[in-house]
């Protein structure tokens, strides 16, 4: 297994998610419901929630980070490609990617959320 260097993570240019209503309202509502359902309860309104996920293929992984406010409203989303193909390593890299994205926003209060079943 290759060693992972957190300094190698490249944060894509940040883009605010559009808040206008349009033909994707249904998809936006479904995404909001999905994100909100997995959020920890009793989060302070000062906190931003950063969740990460990964999709693994035989050759590479796609990692993502999503930033929501304490009510589950989607604020930012990032994505990147990784060379990790080991599920645990890729989930770890996705979590570090979330932290780097939070750092790029100068966030002081955050909560990290993930769906990995291999958290030890």
Protein backbone atom coordinates (compact mmCIF):
# COMPACT_ATOMS: atom_id res chain seq x y z
CA UNK A 1 0.00 0.00 0.00
CA UNK A 2 1.38 3.41 -0.93
CA UNK A 3 1.91 6.02 1.76
CA UNK A 4 -0.43 8.98 1.76
CA UNK A 5 0.80 12.56 1.88
CA UNK A 6 -1.90 15.02 3.04
CA UNK A 7 0.05 17.82 1.35
CA UNK A 8 -0.66 16.17 -2.01
CA UNK A 9 -4.38 16.94 -1.81
CA UNK A 10 -5.36 19.57 -4.34
CA UNK A 11 -8.47 21.54 -3.39
CA UNK A 12 -10.51 22.45 -6.47
CA UNK A 13 -11.65 26.02 -6.85
CA UNK A 14 -14.54 26.53 -4.46
CA UNK A 15 -17.95 27.21 -5.93
CA UNK A 16 -21.05 28.09 -3.96
CA UNK A 17 -23.97 25.84 -4.74
CA UNK A 18 -26.72 27.71 -6.61
CA UNK A 19 -29.76 28.57 -4.52
CA UNK A 20 -32.09 29.38 -7.40
CA UNK A 21 -35.12 27.22 -8.06
CA UNK A 22 -35.39 25.50 -11.39
CA UNK A 23 -35.95 22.18 -13.13
CA UNK A 24 -33.80 20.30 -10.59
CA UNK A 25 -35.97 21.16 -7.57
CA UNK A 26 -36.91 17.51 -7.04
CA UNK A 27 -33.28 16.40 -7.13
CA UNK A 28 -32.27 19.24 -4.78
CA UNK A 29 -35.00 18.23 -2.32
CA UNK A 30 -33.98 14.57 -2.45
CA UNK A 31 -30.32 15.47 -1.92
CA UNK A 32 -31.22 17.77 0.99
CA UNK A 33 -33.32 15.02 2.59
CA UNK A 34 -30.51 12.49 2.14
CA UNK A 35 -27.90 14.81 3.64
CA UNK A 36 -30.16 15.90 6.51
CA UNK A 37 -31.06 12.32 7.45
CA UNK A 38 -27.45 11.44 8.21
CA UNK A 39 -26.56 14.54 10.21
CA UNK A 40 -25.78 14.32 13.89
CA UNK A 41 -28.46 15.85 16.11
CA UNK A 42 -28.00 18.84 18.43
CA UNK A 43 -25.37 20.57 16.31
CA UNK A 44 -24.72 24.20 17.21
CA UNK A 45 -25.75 26.71 14.56
CA UNK A 46 -22.12 27.91 14.54
CA UNK A 47 -20.92 24.56 13.19
CA UNK A 48 -20.60 23.54 9.58
CA UNK A 49 -20.90 19.83 8.81
CA UNK A 50 -18.41 18.30 6.40
CA UNK A 51 -19.22 14.86 5.07
CA UNK A 52 -17.03 12.79 2.82
CA UNK A 53 -17.53 9.79 0.60
CA UNK A 54 -15.63 7.74 -1.93
CA UNK A 55 -16.41 5.67 -5.01
CA UNK A 56 -13.74 3.07 -5.79
CA UNK A 57 -12.94 1.47 -9.14
CA UNK A 58 -10.24 -1.09 -9.92
CA UNK A 59 -7.74 1.65 -10.83
CA UNK A 60 -8.73 4.87 -9.01
CA UNK A 61 -11.10 6.41 -6.49
CA UNK A 62 -13.34 9.42 -6.68
CA UNK A 63 -13.50 11.33 -3.39
CA UNK A 64 -15.97 14.01 -2.43
CA UNK A 65 -16.56 16.46 0.38
CA UNK A 66 -19.84 18.21 1.08
CA UNK A 67 -20.37 21.17 3.40
CA UNK A 68 -23.77 21.79 5.01
CA UNK A 69 -24.98 24.17 7.66
CA UNK A 70 -26.40 22.85 10.94
CA UNK A 71 -29.87 22.58 9.37
CA UNK A 72 -28.62 20.38 6.52
CA UNK A 73 -28.66 23.02 3.81
CA UNK A 74 -26.06 22.27 1.15
CA UNK A 75 -23.46 25.06 0.95
CA UNK A 76 -20.42 23.72 -0.91
CA UNK A 77 -19.32 20.54 -2.68
CA UNK A 78 -15.91 19.41 -3.89
CA UNK A 79 -14.61 16.37 -5.74
CA UNK A 80 -11.25 14.91 -6.60
CA UNK A 81 -9.59 11.80 -7.99
CA UNK A 82 -7.30 9.61 -5.90
CA UNK A 83 -5.01 6.69 -6.69
CA UNK A 84 -6.21 4.78 -3.61
CA UNK A 85 -8.03 1.54 -4.36
CA UNK A 86 -8.08 0.17 -0.82
CA UNK A 87 -11.49 1.05 0.72
CA UNK A 88 -10.13 1.99 4.16
CA UNK A 89 -7.32 4.11 2.71
CA UNK A 90 -9.70 5.82 0.28
CA UNK A 91 -12.21 6.63 3.06
CA UNK A 92 -9.36 8.07 5.12
CA UNK A 93 -8.19 10.16 2.19
CA UNK A 94 -11.76 11.40 1.66
CA UNK A 95 -11.96 12.42 5.34
CA UNK A 96 -8.65 14.30 5.04
CA UNK A 97 -9.97 15.91 1.85
CA UNK A 98 -12.97 17.16 3.88
CA UNK A 99 -10.64 18.64 6.49
CA UNK A 100 -8.58 20.38 3.79
CA UNK A 101 -11.77 21.79 2.26
CA UNK A 102 -12.82 23.08 5.69
CA UNK A 103 -9.39 24.65 6.11
CA UNK A 104 -9.74 26.38 2.73
CA UNK A 105 -12.88 28.09 4.09
CA UNK A 106 -11.16 29.05 7.38
CA UNK A 107 -13.85 27.20 9.32
CA UNK A 108 -13.45 27.38 13.10
CA UNK A 109 -16.32 25.09 14.20
CA UNK A 110 -16.96 21.92 12.28
CA UNK A 111 -18.37 18.44 12.57
CA UNK A 112 -17.04 15.63 10.39
CA UNK A 113 -19.46 12.99 9.14
CA UNK A 114 -18.79 9.91 7.06
CA UNK A 115 -20.43 6.66 6.07
CA UNK A 116 -17.47 4.32 6.32
CA UNK A 117 -18.21 1.04 8.10
CA UNK A 118 -14.47 0.59 8.69
CA UNK A 119 -14.02 3.41 11.22
CA UNK A 120 -11.78 2.03 13.96
